[in-house]
Amino acid sequence: GFPLTHRQDAEAELIDVLFRLAQFQFGMLCGGYALRGAIAVGDAYVDPEIFFGSALIEAHEAETQLALFPRMVLSASAAEHLKNCVQHYPKLEDSPQYDLLLQDSDGQLFLDYLEQTILIAEKETGPFYDELKTHRNIVETKLRENSGVPKAQAKYLWIANYHNSFCERHQQYFDKSYQINLSEFRHISFPTPLSADQCRGTTHMGRRP
């Protein structure tokens, strides 16, 4: 749980939560653990022993019914807050949320954790090339280890496609050698960048596929 100081906006808190989750998700994947989850905005009670409330229920439902793959998705409440926040900017690309999220082929908005880890110091020192290679190597290893386990392989195929789409979106830094060779594996569609229509239009964000 993360307290909101500006409940009607929650922009700063959402950005902070997304950034922290990106670091956590990347670190866990590099440790061999593929995570999925969901973010919700709403009422919750939290103390050292108890955690309950509508936000927890919504996040749990989104994680079990919408996340499906190793991705951190926005529930309907978080997506609605996002839409309200980005409308304050002249263009979607000007908002700080633009580099935090992608829209997947099923319409779900999810956390772009590679953008917030590999390119976090892009302007100062450039990309973290070795860390991206580590990410690639772990995913390739997991794909081979789970070649006979369709459910597990589908999970890592999704990550592999996400990894490759990240490399393709930043070809000025990453050539083909940084990508995962999927020729021997079943293909799953690539995620696509967050679209202005999803944030500025009337389409309900966080909808189920």
N, C-alpha and C. Protein backbone atom coordinates (compact mmCIF):
# COMPACT_ATOMS: atom_id res chain seq x y z
N GLY A 1 0.82 -1.19 0.00
CA GLY A 1 0.00 0.00 0.00
C GLY A 1 0.86 1.25 0.00
N PHE A 2 0.40 2.27 -0.70
CA PHE A 2 1.15 3.52 -0.81
C PHE A 2 0.17 4.66 -0.59
N PRO A 3 0.35 5.46 0.46
CA PRO A 3 -0.63 6.51 0.76
C PRO A 3 -0.64 7.62 -0.29
N LEU A 4 -1.82 8.17 -0.53
CA LEU A 4 -1.99 9.27 -1.47
C LEU A 4 -2.13 10.57 -0.69
N THR A 5 -1.32 11.56 -1.07
CA THR A 5 -1.42 12.86 -0.41
C THR A 5 -2.35 13.80 -1.17
N HIS A 6 -2.53 13.52 -2.48
CA HIS A 6 -3.46 14.31 -3.30
C HIS A 6 -4.41 13.33 -3.98
N ARG A 7 -5.46 12.96 -3.29
CA ARG A 7 -6.34 11.87 -3.73
C ARG A 7 -6.96 12.13 -5.09
N GLN A 8 -7.30 13.37 -5.39
CA GLN A 8 -7.98 13.65 -6.65
C GLN A 8 -7.05 13.54 -7.85
N ASP A 9 -5.76 13.62 -7.61
CA ASP A 9 -4.80 13.59 -8.70
C ASP A 9 -3.96 12.32 -8.65
N ALA A 10 -3.22 12.16 -7.57
CA ALA A 10 -2.39 10.97 -7.33
C ALA A 10 -1.30 10.79 -8.39
N GLU A 11 -0.97 11.86 -9.12
CA GLU A 11 0.02 11.71 -10.19
C GLU A 11 1.39 11.36 -9.63
N ALA A 12 1.85 12.13 -8.64
CA ALA A 12 3.18 11.89 -8.10
C ALA A 12 3.29 10.50 -7.50
N GLU A 13 2.25 10.07 -6.79
CA GLU A 13 2.28 8.75 -6.16
C GLU A 13 2.30 7.63 -7.20
N LEU A 14 1.50 7.78 -8.25
CA LEU A 14 1.47 6.76 -9.29
C LEU A 14 2.82 6.64 -9.99
N ILE A 15 3.43 7.77 -10.28
CA ILE A 15 4.75 7.75 -10.93
C ILE A 15 5.76 7.07 -10.02
N ASP A 16 5.73 7.41 -8.74
CA ASP A 16 6.66 6.82 -7.78
C ASP A 16 6.47 5.31 -7.67
N VAL A 17 5.21 4.89 -7.58
CA VAL A 17 4.92 3.46 -7.48
C VAL A 17 5.39 2.72 -8.74
N LEU A 18 5.11 3.28 -9.90
CA LEU A 18 5.51 2.63 -11.15
C LEU A 18 7.03 2.52 -11.25
N PHE A 19 7.73 3.58 -10.86
CA PHE A 19 9.19 3.54 -10.92
C PHE A 19 9.75 2.49 -9.96
N ARG A 20 9.23 2.45 -8.75
CA ARG A 20 9.72 1.47 -7.78
C ARG A 20 9.42 0.05 -8.24
N LEU A 21 8.25 -0.16 -8.78
CA LEU A 21 7.90 -1.49 -9.28
C LEU A 21 8.78 -1.90 -10.45
N ALA A 22 9.15 -0.94 -11.31
CA ALA A 22 10.02 -1.26 -12.43
C ALA A 22 11.36 -1.78 -11.93
N GLN A 23 11.93 -1.10 -10.95
CA GLN A 23 13.21 -1.55 -10.38
C GLN A 23 13.06 -2.93 -9.75
N PHE A 24 11.98 -3.13 -9.04
CA PHE A 24 11.75 -4.41 -8.37
C PHE A 24 11.54 -5.54 -9.37
N GLN A 25 10.72 -5.30 -10.37
CA GLN A 25 10.42 -6.33 -11.36
C GLN A 25 11.68 -6.74 -12.13
N PHE A 26 12.48 -5.75 -12.51
CA PHE A 26 13.71 -6.05 -13.23
C PHE A 26 14.67 -6.85 -12.35
N GLY A 27 14.82 -6.44 -11.11
CA GLY A 27 15.71 -7.14 -10.19
C GLY A 27 15.28 -8.58 -9.96
N MET A 28 14.00 -8.80 -9.82
CA MET A 28 13.50 -10.16 -9.59
C MET A 28 13.69 -11.02 -10.83
N LEU A 29 13.44 -10.45 -12.03
CA LEU A 29 13.64 -11.23 -13.26
C LEU A 29 15.10 -11.63 -13.40
N CYS A 30 16.00 -10.71 -13.11
CA CYS A 30 17.43 -11.02 -13.20
C CYS A 30 17.84 -12.05 -12.16
N GLY A 31 17.04 -12.20 -11.12
CA GLY A 31 17.27 -13.24 -10.13
C GLY A 31 16.59 -14.54 -10.47
N GLY A 32 15.89 -14.57 -11.62
CA GLY A 32 15.25 -15.79 -12.07
C GLY A 32 13.78 -15.90 -11.74
N TYR A 33 13.16 -14.81 -11.30
CA TYR A 33 11.75 -14.85 -10.91
C TYR A 33 10.93 -13.90 -11.77
N ALA A 34 10.02 -14.44 -12.56
CA ALA A 34 9.15 -13.63 -13.41
C ALA A 34 7.88 -13.30 -12.63
N LEU A 35 7.61 -12.02 -12.48
CA LEU A 35 6.48 -11.57 -11.66
C LEU A 35 5.36 -10.99 -12.50
N ARG A 36 4.16 -11.12 -11.98
CA ARG A 36 3.03 -10.40 -12.55
C ARG A 36 2.28 -9.73 -11.39
N GLY A 37 1.53 -8.68 -11.70
CA GLY A 37 0.82 -7.99 -10.65
C GLY A 37 -0.09 -6.93 -11.24
N ALA A 38 -0.69 -6.14 -10.37
CA ALA A 38 -1.62 -5.10 -10.80
C ALA A 38 -1.59 -3.94 -9.82
N ILE A 39 -1.91 -2.77 -10.32
CA ILE A 39 -1.94 -1.54 -9.52
C ILE A 39 -3.36 -1.02 -9.50
N ALA A 40 -3.85 -0.70 -8.32
CA ALA A 40 -5.19 -0.13 -8.16
C ALA A 40 -5.10 1.10 -7.27
N VAL A 41 -6.05 2.00 -7.43
CA VAL A 41 -6.14 3.21 -6.61
C VAL A 41 -7.49 3.18 -5.90
N GLY A 42 -7.47 3.27 -4.58
CA GLY A 42 -8.73 3.23 -3.84
C GLY A 42 -8.49 3.13 -2.35
N ASP A 43 -9.54 2.80 -1.63
CA ASP A 43 -9.48 2.72 -0.17
C ASP A 43 -8.82 1.42 0.27
N ALA A 44 -7.98 1.53 1.30
CA ALA A 44 -7.35 0.35 1.88
C ALA A 44 -6.88 0.68 3.28
N TYR A 45 -6.90 -0.32 4.13
CA TYR A 45 -6.36 -0.19 5.48
C TYR A 45 -5.12 -1.06 5.57
N VAL A 46 -4.03 -0.47 6.07
CA VAL A 46 -2.76 -1.20 6.15
C VAL A 46 -2.14 -0.98 7.52
N ASP A 47 -1.76 -2.07 8.18
CA ASP A 47 -0.91 -2.00 9.36
C ASP A 47 0.04 -3.20 9.31
N PRO A 48 0.92 -3.37 10.26
CA PRO A 48 1.91 -4.46 10.17
C PRO A 48 1.30 -5.86 10.09
N GLU A 49 0.02 -6.00 10.45
CA GLU A 49 -0.59 -7.33 10.47
C GLU A 49 -1.76 -7.50 9.53
N ILE A 50 -2.41 -6.41 9.14
CA ILE A 50 -3.65 -6.50 8.36
C ILE A 50 -3.58 -5.58 7.14
N PHE A 51 -4.12 -6.07 6.04
CA PHE A 51 -4.20 -5.28 4.81
C PHE A 51 -5.52 -5.66 4.14
N PHE A 52 -6.47 -4.73 4.09
CA PHE A 52 -7.74 -5.02 3.44
C PHE A 52 -8.32 -3.75 2.85
N GLY A 53 -9.29 -3.91 1.95
CA GLY A 53 -9.95 -2.77 1.36
C GLY A 53 -10.26 -2.99 -0.11
N SER A 54 -11.03 -2.08 -0.68
CA SER A 54 -11.47 -2.24 -2.08
C SER A 54 -10.30 -2.20 -3.06
N ALA A 55 -9.27 -1.41 -2.75
CA ALA A 55 -8.12 -1.34 -3.65
C ALA A 55 -7.39 -2.67 -3.72
N LEU A 56 -7.25 -3.34 -2.58
CA LEU A 56 -6.60 -4.65 -2.55
C LEU A 56 -7.40 -5.66 -3.37
N ILE A 57 -8.71 -5.65 -3.22
CA ILE A 57 -9.56 -6.58 -3.96
C ILE A 57 -9.45 -6.33 -5.46
N GLU A 58 -9.50 -5.06 -5.85
CA GLU A 58 -9.41 -4.73 -7.27
C GLU A 58 -8.06 -5.13 -7.84
N ALA A 59 -6.97 -4.87 -7.10
CA ALA A 59 -5.64 -5.25 -7.58
C ALA A 59 -5.52 -6.76 -7.72
N HIS A 60 -6.08 -7.50 -6.76
CA HIS A 60 -6.03 -8.96 -6.83
C HIS A 60 -6.81 -9.48 -8.04
N GLU A 61 -7.99 -8.92 -8.27
CA GLU A 61 -8.78 -9.35 -9.41
C GLU A 61 -8.09 -9.03 -10.73
N ALA A 62 -7.46 -7.86 -10.81
CA ALA A 62 -6.74 -7.50 -12.03
C ALA A 62 -5.53 -8.40 -12.25
N GLU A 63 -4.84 -8.73 -11.17
CA GLU A 63 -3.66 -9.61 -11.29
C GLU A 63 -4.06 -11.00 -11.77
N THR A 64 -5.16 -11.53 -11.24
CA THR A 64 -5.56 -12.89 -11.59
C THR A 64 -6.31 -12.97 -12.92
N GLN A 65 -7.01 -11.91 -13.31
CA GLN A 65 -7.86 -11.97 -14.49
C GLN A 65 -7.32 -11.19 -15.69
N LEU A 66 -6.45 -10.21 -15.45
CA LEU A 66 -5.98 -9.35 -16.54
C LEU A 66 -4.49 -9.48 -16.82
N ALA A 67 -3.69 -9.63 -15.79
CA ALA A 67 -2.24 -9.63 -16.00
C ALA A 67 -1.81 -10.79 -16.91
N LEU A 68 -2.20 -12.00 -16.56
CA LEU A 68 -2.01 -13.21 -17.36
C LEU A 68 -0.55 -13.55 -17.64
N PHE A 69 0.22 -12.60 -18.09
CA PHE A 69 1.64 -12.80 -18.37
C PHE A 69 2.47 -12.10 -17.29
N PRO A 70 3.79 -12.23 -17.30
CA PRO A 70 4.63 -11.55 -16.29
C PRO A 70 4.70 -10.04 -16.55
N ARG A 71 3.64 -9.36 -16.24
CA ARG A 71 3.55 -7.92 -16.45
C ARG A 71 2.77 -7.29 -15.31
N MET A 72 3.06 -6.04 -15.03
CA MET A 72 2.34 -5.27 -14.02
C MET A 72 1.32 -4.40 -14.74
N VAL A 73 0.05 -4.72 -14.61
CA VAL A 73 -0.99 -4.01 -15.34
C VAL A 73 -1.67 -2.97 -14.46
N LEU A 74 -2.33 -2.02 -15.12
CA LEU A 74 -3.15 -1.05 -14.41
C LEU A 74 -4.58 -1.55 -14.34
N SER A 75 -5.14 -1.53 -13.14
CA SER A 75 -6.56 -1.85 -13.01
C SER A 75 -7.37 -0.67 -13.53
N ALA A 76 -8.68 -0.80 -13.54
CA ALA A 76 -9.53 0.26 -14.06
C ALA A 76 -9.35 1.56 -13.29
N SER A 77 -9.23 1.47 -11.96
CA SER A 77 -9.09 2.70 -11.17
C SER A 77 -7.76 3.39 -11.43
N ALA A 78 -6.68 2.63 -11.56
CA ALA A 78 -5.37 3.22 -11.84
C ALA A 78 -5.33 3.80 -13.25
N ALA A 79 -5.95 3.11 -14.20
CA ALA A 79 -5.99 3.60 -15.57
C ALA A 79 -6.78 4.91 -15.66
N GLU A 80 -7.86 5.00 -14.90
CA GLU A 80 -8.66 6.22 -14.89
C GLU A 80 -7.86 7.39 -14.31
N HIS A 81 -7.10 7.14 -13.25
CA HIS A 81 -6.25 8.19 -12.69
C HIS A 81 -5.18 8.60 -13.69
N LEU A 82 -4.63 7.63 -14.39
CA LEU A 82 -3.63 7.94 -15.40
C LEU A 82 -4.21 8.85 -16.48
N LYS A 83 -5.40 8.50 -16.97
CA LYS A 83 -6.04 9.29 -18.01
C LYS A 83 -6.28 10.72 -17.55
N ASN A 84 -6.70 10.89 -16.31
CA ASN A 84 -6.93 12.23 -15.79
C ASN A 84 -5.62 13.02 -15.69
N CYS A 85 -4.54 12.34 -15.33
CA CYS A 85 -3.25 13.02 -15.17
C CYS A 85 -2.68 13.49 -16.50
N VAL A 86 -2.70 12.65 -17.50
CA VAL A 86 -2.04 12.99 -18.77
C VAL A 86 -2.81 14.05 -19.55
N GLN A 87 -4.08 14.26 -19.21
CA GLN A 87 -4.85 15.29 -19.90
C GLN A 87 -4.37 16.69 -19.55
N HIS A 88 -3.53 16.82 -18.53
CA HIS A 88 -2.98 18.13 -18.17
C HIS A 88 -1.83 18.54 -19.07
N TYR A 89 -1.36 17.62 -19.92
CA TYR A 89 -0.20 17.90 -20.77
C TYR A 89 -0.66 18.15 -22.21
N PRO A 90 0.02 19.06 -22.92
CA PRO A 90 -0.37 19.36 -24.31
C PRO A 90 -0.36 18.13 -25.20
N LYS A 91 0.67 17.28 -25.01
CA LYS A 91 0.79 16.05 -25.77
C LYS A 91 1.10 14.90 -24.83
N LEU A 92 0.61 13.72 -25.17
CA LEU A 92 0.88 12.55 -24.34
C LEU A 92 2.38 12.34 -24.15
N GLU A 93 3.15 12.58 -25.23
CA GLU A 93 4.59 12.37 -25.18
C GLU A 93 5.28 13.30 -24.18
N ASP A 94 4.61 14.39 -23.78
CA ASP A 94 5.20 15.32 -22.81
C ASP A 94 5.01 14.86 -21.38
N SER A 95 4.14 13.91 -21.16
CA SER A 95 3.84 13.48 -19.80
C SER A 95 4.90 12.50 -19.29
N PRO A 96 5.17 12.52 -17.99
CA PRO A 96 6.15 11.58 -17.43
C PRO A 96 5.68 10.13 -17.50
N GLN A 97 4.37 9.94 -17.65
CA GLN A 97 3.85 8.57 -17.73
C GLN A 97 4.15 7.90 -19.05
N TYR A 98 4.48 8.69 -20.07
CA TYR A 98 4.64 8.13 -21.42
C TYR A 98 5.74 7.08 -21.47
N ASP A 99 6.83 7.30 -20.74
CA ASP A 99 7.94 6.36 -20.75
C ASP A 99 7.80 5.26 -19.71
N LEU A 100 6.72 5.27 -18.98
CA LEU A 100 6.52 4.28 -17.93
C LEU A 100 5.66 3.11 -18.36
N LEU A 101 4.84 3.30 -19.40
CA LEU A 101 3.82 2.31 -19.73
C LEU A 101 3.81 1.97 -21.21
N LEU A 102 3.35 0.74 -21.48
CA LEU A 102 3.07 0.30 -22.84
C LEU A 102 1.66 -0.27 -22.88
N GLN A 103 1.08 -0.32 -24.06
CA GLN A 103 -0.20 -0.96 -24.26
C GLN A 103 0.02 -2.26 -25.01
N ASP A 104 -0.41 -3.37 -24.43
CA ASP A 104 -0.20 -4.67 -25.05
C ASP A 104 -1.24 -4.93 -26.12
N SER A 105 -1.06 -6.02 -26.87
CA SER A 105 -1.94 -6.34 -27.99
C SER A 105 -3.37 -6.64 -27.54
N ASP A 106 -3.57 -6.98 -26.26
CA ASP A 106 -4.92 -7.23 -25.75
C ASP A 106 -5.55 -5.98 -25.14
N GLY A 107 -4.87 -4.83 -25.27
CA GLY A 107 -5.41 -3.58 -24.77
C GLY A 107 -4.98 -3.21 -23.37
N GLN A 108 -4.30 -4.11 -22.68
CA GLN A 108 -3.89 -3.84 -21.30
C GLN A 108 -2.70 -2.89 -21.25
N LEU A 109 -2.77 -1.93 -20.33
CA LEU A 109 -1.64 -1.06 -20.06
C LEU A 109 -0.76 -1.74 -19.02
N PHE A 110 0.55 -1.79 -19.30
CA PHE A 110 1.45 -2.47 -18.37
C PHE A 110 2.76 -1.69 -18.22
N LEU A 111 3.46 -1.99 -17.16
CA LEU A 111 4.68 -1.28 -16.80
C LEU A 111 5.84 -1.65 -17.73
N ASP A 112 6.48 -0.64 -18.30
CA ASP A 112 7.63 -0.84 -19.18
C ASP A 112 8.90 -0.79 -18.31
N TYR A 113 9.19 -1.91 -17.64
CA TYR A 113 10.27 -1.89 -16.66
C TYR A 113 11.66 -1.77 -17.28
N LEU A 114 11.84 -2.21 -18.50
CA LEU A 114 13.15 -2.07 -19.13
C LEU A 114 13.49 -0.60 -19.41
N GLU A 115 12.48 0.16 -19.78
CA GLU A 115 12.70 1.59 -20.04
C GLU A 115 13.20 2.29 -18.79
N GLN A 116 12.67 1.86 -17.62
CA GLN A 116 13.00 2.53 -16.37
C GLN A 116 14.21 1.95 -15.67
N THR A 117 14.86 0.98 -16.27
CA THR A 117 16.07 0.41 -15.69
C THR A 117 17.25 0.54 -16.67
N ILE A 118 17.11 0.01 -17.85
CA ILE A 118 18.19 0.04 -18.82
C ILE A 118 18.50 1.46 -19.28
N LEU A 119 17.48 2.29 -19.39
CA LEU A 119 17.67 3.66 -19.90
C LEU A 119 17.48 4.72 -18.82
N ILE A 120 17.53 4.33 -17.56
CA ILE A 120 17.26 5.28 -16.49
C ILE A 120 18.30 6.40 -16.44
N ALA A 121 19.54 6.12 -16.89
CA ALA A 121 20.59 7.15 -16.91
C ALA A 121 21.04 7.43 -18.33
N GLU A 122 20.09 7.34 -19.27
CA GLU A 122 20.41 7.49 -20.69
C GLU A 122 21.15 8.80 -20.98
N LYS A 123 20.69 9.91 -20.44
CA LYS A 123 21.28 11.20 -20.76
C LYS A 123 22.62 11.41 -20.06
N GLU A 124 22.81 10.76 -18.91
CA GLU A 124 24.04 10.96 -18.16
C GLU A 124 25.16 10.01 -18.59
N THR A 125 24.85 8.71 -18.65
CA THR A 125 25.90 7.72 -18.93
C THR A 125 25.57 6.80 -20.10
N GLY A 126 24.36 6.90 -20.63
CA GLY A 126 23.95 5.99 -21.68
C GLY A 126 23.29 4.74 -21.11
N PRO A 127 22.89 3.81 -21.97
CA PRO A 127 22.19 2.60 -21.52
C PRO A 127 23.09 1.70 -20.68
N PHE A 128 22.46 0.85 -19.88
CA PHE A 128 23.16 -0.18 -19.14
C PHE A 128 23.17 -1.45 -19.99
N TYR A 129 24.19 -1.55 -20.83
CA TYR A 129 24.26 -2.65 -21.80
C TYR A 129 24.40 -4.01 -21.13
N ASP A 130 25.26 -4.10 -20.13
CA ASP A 130 25.49 -5.40 -19.49
C ASP A 130 24.23 -5.92 -18.82
N GLU A 131 23.47 -5.01 -18.23
CA GLU A 131 22.23 -5.44 -17.56
C GLU A 131 21.22 -5.96 -18.57
N LEU A 132 21.16 -5.34 -19.76
CA LEU A 132 20.25 -5.84 -20.78
C LEU A 132 20.69 -7.22 -21.27
N LYS A 133 21.99 -7.43 -21.39
CA LYS A 133 22.49 -8.76 -21.77
C LYS A 133 22.13 -9.80 -20.71
N THR A 134 22.22 -9.41 -19.45
CA THR A 134 21.82 -10.32 -18.38
C THR A 134 20.36 -10.70 -18.50
N HIS A 135 19.52 -9.70 -18.76
CA HIS A 135 18.09 -9.95 -18.96
C HIS A 135 17.87 -10.91 -20.12
N ARG A 136 18.55 -10.66 -21.23
CA ARG A 136 18.45 -11.54 -22.41
C ARG A 136 18.87 -12.96 -22.07
N ASN A 137 20.01 -13.12 -21.41
CA ASN A 137 20.54 -14.45 -21.12
C ASN A 137 19.64 -15.25 -20.19
N ILE A 138 19.06 -14.58 -19.21
CA ILE A 138 18.17 -15.28 -18.28
C ILE A 138 16.91 -15.74 -18.99
N VAL A 139 16.35 -14.89 -19.83
CA VAL A 139 15.13 -15.28 -20.55
C VAL A 139 15.42 -16.44 -21.50
N GLU A 140 16.54 -16.39 -22.19
CA GLU A 140 16.91 -17.49 -23.09
C GLU A 140 17.08 -18.79 -22.31
N THR A 141 17.70 -18.72 -21.15
CA THR A 141 17.87 -19.92 -20.32
C THR A 141 16.53 -20.48 -19.88
N LYS A 142 15.63 -19.60 -19.45
CA LYS A 142 14.31 -20.04 -19.01
C LYS A 142 13.49 -20.64 -20.16
N LEU A 143 13.65 -20.10 -21.35
CA LEU A 143 12.95 -20.66 -22.51
C LEU A 143 13.42 -22.09 -22.78
N ARG A 144 14.71 -22.31 -22.68
CA ARG A 144 15.23 -23.67 -22.91
C ARG A 144 14.82 -24.61 -21.80
N GLU A 145 14.89 -24.14 -20.57
CA GLU A 145 14.53 -24.99 -19.43
C GLU A 145 13.06 -25.41 -19.46
N ASN A 146 12.20 -24.56 -20.03
CA ASN A 146 10.76 -24.82 -20.03
C ASN A 146 10.24 -25.22 -21.41
N SER A 147 11.12 -25.74 -22.26
CA SER A 147 10.71 -26.08 -23.63
C SER A 147 9.60 -27.12 -23.67
N GLY A 148 9.49 -27.95 -22.64
CA GLY A 148 8.44 -28.97 -22.62
C GLY A 148 7.28 -28.63 -21.70
N VAL A 149 7.25 -27.38 -21.23
CA VAL A 149 6.19 -26.95 -20.31
C VAL A 149 5.47 -25.76 -20.94
N PRO A 150 4.42 -26.00 -21.71
CA PRO A 150 3.78 -24.93 -22.50
C PRO A 150 3.38 -23.70 -21.69
N LYS A 151 2.81 -23.89 -20.51
CA LYS A 151 2.35 -22.74 -19.73
C LYS A 151 3.53 -21.88 -19.30
N ALA A 152 4.59 -22.51 -18.83
CA ALA A 152 5.78 -21.76 -18.41
C ALA A 152 6.48 -21.13 -19.60
N GLN A 153 6.55 -21.87 -20.71
CA GLN A 153 7.22 -21.33 -21.89
C GLN A 153 6.49 -20.11 -22.43
N ALA A 154 5.15 -20.13 -22.40
CA ALA A 154 4.38 -18.98 -22.87
C ALA A 154 4.71 -17.74 -22.05
N LYS A 155 4.95 -17.94 -20.76
CA LYS A 155 5.31 -16.82 -19.88
C LYS A 155 6.62 -16.18 -20.33
N TYR A 156 7.61 -17.02 -20.62
CA TYR A 156 8.91 -16.48 -21.00
C TYR A 156 8.96 -16.04 -22.46
N LEU A 157 8.08 -16.59 -23.27
CA LEU A 157 7.96 -16.08 -24.63
C LEU A 157 7.43 -14.65 -24.63
N TRP A 158 6.50 -14.40 -23.72
CA TRP A 158 5.99 -13.02 -23.62
C TRP A 158 7.12 -12.08 -23.23
N ILE A 159 7.92 -12.46 -22.24
CA ILE A 159 9.04 -11.62 -21.82
C ILE A 159 10.03 -11.44 -22.95
N ALA A 160 10.29 -12.51 -23.70
CA ALA A 160 11.23 -12.43 -24.83
C ALA A 160 10.75 -11.44 -25.88
N ASN A 161 9.47 -11.48 -26.19
CA ASN A 161 8.92 -10.53 -27.16
C ASN A 161 8.98 -9.10 -26.63
N TYR A 162 8.71 -8.94 -25.34
CA TYR A 162 8.83 -7.62 -24.72
C TYR A 162 10.27 -7.13 -24.80
N HIS A 163 11.21 -8.00 -24.48
CA HIS A 163 12.64 -7.66 -24.56
C HIS A 163 13.01 -7.22 -25.97
N ASN A 164 12.60 -7.99 -26.96
CA ASN A 164 12.94 -7.66 -28.35
C ASN A 164 12.28 -6.37 -28.82
N SER A 165 11.05 -6.15 -28.38
CA SER A 165 10.38 -4.91 -28.78
C SER A 165 11.08 -3.70 -28.17
N PHE A 166 11.60 -3.85 -26.97
CA PHE A 166 12.38 -2.78 -26.35
C PHE A 166 13.63 -2.48 -27.19
N CYS A 167 14.33 -3.53 -27.60
CA CYS A 167 15.53 -3.34 -28.44
C CYS A 167 15.17 -2.67 -29.76
N GLU A 168 14.06 -3.06 -30.36
CA GLU A 168 13.66 -2.49 -31.64
C GLU A 168 13.24 -1.03 -31.51
N ARG A 169 12.65 -0.68 -30.39
CA ARG A 169 12.27 0.72 -30.18
C ARG A 169 13.48 1.61 -29.92
N HIS A 170 14.62 0.99 -29.61
CA HIS A 170 15.83 1.75 -29.32
C HIS A 170 17.00 1.20 -30.15
N GLN A 171 16.77 1.12 -31.44
CA GLN A 171 17.79 0.56 -32.33
C GLN A 171 19.05 1.41 -32.39
N GLN A 172 18.97 2.66 -31.99
CA GLN A 172 20.17 3.49 -31.98
C GLN A 172 21.19 2.99 -30.95
N TYR A 173 20.74 2.18 -30.00
CA TYR A 173 21.62 1.63 -28.97
C TYR A 173 21.85 0.12 -29.12
N PHE A 174 20.81 -0.61 -29.51
CA PHE A 174 20.85 -2.06 -29.42
C PHE A 174 20.67 -2.70 -30.79
N ASP A 175 21.72 -3.37 -31.27
CA ASP A 175 21.61 -4.08 -32.54
C ASP A 175 21.02 -5.47 -32.31
N LYS A 176 20.99 -6.28 -33.34
CA LYS A 176 20.36 -7.60 -33.27
C LYS A 176 21.00 -8.51 -32.23
N SER A 177 22.27 -8.27 -31.92
CA SER A 177 22.95 -9.14 -30.96
C SER A 177 22.36 -9.05 -29.56
N TYR A 178 21.64 -7.97 -29.27
CA TYR A 178 21.02 -7.82 -27.95
C TYR A 178 19.65 -8.50 -27.88
N GLN A 179 19.12 -8.90 -29.02
CA GLN A 179 17.80 -9.51 -29.04
C GLN A 179 17.84 -11.01 -28.76
N ILE A 180 16.69 -11.55 -28.48
CA ILE A 180 16.54 -12.99 -28.23
C ILE A 180 16.08 -13.65 -29.51
N ASN A 181 16.80 -14.69 -29.91
CA ASN A 181 16.47 -15.41 -31.14
C ASN A 181 15.26 -16.31 -30.88
N LEU A 182 14.13 -15.92 -31.46
CA LEU A 182 12.88 -16.67 -31.23
C LEU A 182 12.54 -17.64 -32.36
N SER A 183 13.47 -17.86 -33.26
CA SER A 183 13.17 -18.71 -34.41
C SER A 183 12.78 -20.13 -34.01
N GLU A 184 13.26 -20.58 -32.86
CA GLU A 184 12.95 -21.93 -32.42
C GLU A 184 11.74 -22.00 -31.50
N PHE A 185 11.13 -20.84 -31.23
CA PHE A 185 10.03 -20.80 -30.28
C PHE A 185 8.77 -20.25 -30.92
N ARG A 186 7.63 -20.55 -30.29
CA ARG A 186 6.34 -20.05 -30.76
C ARG A 186 6.27 -18.55 -30.56
N HIS A 187 5.73 -17.83 -31.55
CA HIS A 187 5.70 -16.37 -31.51
C HIS A 187 4.44 -15.86 -30.80
N ILE A 188 4.63 -14.84 -29.99
CA ILE A 188 3.53 -14.12 -29.34
C ILE A 188 3.64 -12.66 -29.73
N SER A 189 2.54 -11.99 -29.94
CA SER A 189 2.54 -10.62 -30.46
C SER A 189 3.30 -9.66 -29.56
N PHE A 190 3.85 -8.61 -30.18
CA PHE A 190 4.64 -7.62 -29.47
C PHE A 190 3.75 -6.60 -28.78
N PRO A 191 4.23 -6.07 -27.62
CA PRO A 191 3.53 -4.92 -27.04
C PRO A 191 3.76 -3.68 -27.88
N THR A 192 2.87 -2.73 -27.76
CA THR A 192 2.97 -1.50 -28.54
C THR A 192 3.02 -0.30 -27.60
N PRO A 193 3.57 0.84 -28.02
CA PRO A 193 3.64 2.00 -27.14
C PRO A 193 2.27 2.48 -26.70
N LEU A 194 2.23 3.11 -25.56
CA LEU A 194 1.01 3.71 -25.04
C LEU A 194 0.45 4.69 -26.06
N SER A 195 -0.84 4.56 -26.35
CA SER A 195 -1.44 5.38 -27.40
C SER A 195 -2.19 6.56 -26.82
N ALA A 196 -2.20 7.65 -27.55
CA ALA A 196 -2.92 8.84 -27.11
C ALA A 196 -4.41 8.57 -27.02
N ASP A 197 -4.94 7.73 -27.92
CA ASP A 197 -6.37 7.42 -27.91
C ASP A 197 -6.80 6.80 -26.59
N GLN A 198 -5.93 5.94 -26.03
CA GLN A 198 -6.26 5.28 -24.78
C GLN A 198 -6.33 6.29 -23.63
N CYS A 199 -5.51 7.34 -23.70
CA CYS A 199 -5.46 8.29 -22.59
C CYS A 199 -6.39 9.48 -22.77
N ARG A 200 -6.66 9.85 -24.01
CA ARG A 200 -7.44 11.07 -24.24
C ARG A 200 -8.85 10.79 -24.76
N GLY A 201 -9.07 9.58 -25.24
CA GLY A 201 -10.38 9.26 -25.80
C GLY A 201 -11.35 8.78 -24.74
N THR A 202 -12.41 8.16 -25.20
CA THR A 202 -13.45 7.69 -24.29
C THR A 202 -13.33 6.20 -24.01
N THR A 203 -12.34 5.55 -24.64
CA THR A 203 -12.17 4.12 -24.42
C THR A 203 -11.87 3.87 -22.95
N HIS A 204 -12.54 2.88 -22.37
CA HIS A 204 -12.33 2.56 -20.95
C HIS A 204 -10.99 1.87 -20.78
N MET A 205 -10.13 2.43 -19.96
CA MET A 205 -8.82 1.86 -19.75
C MET A 205 -8.90 0.73 -18.73
N GLY A 206 -8.01 -0.26 -18.88
CA GLY A 206 -7.99 -1.38 -17.98
C GLY A 206 -9.06 -2.40 -18.27
N ARG A 207 -9.63 -2.39 -19.46
CA ARG A 207 -10.69 -3.33 -19.79
C ARG A 207 -10.15 -4.74 -19.92
N ARG A 208 -11.00 -5.69 -19.76
CA ARG A 208 -10.58 -7.08 -19.88
C ARG A 208 -10.48 -7.45 -21.37
N PRO A 209 -9.52 -8.35 -21.70
CA PRO A 209 -9.40 -8.75 -23.11
C PRO A 209 -10.61 -9.52 -23.57
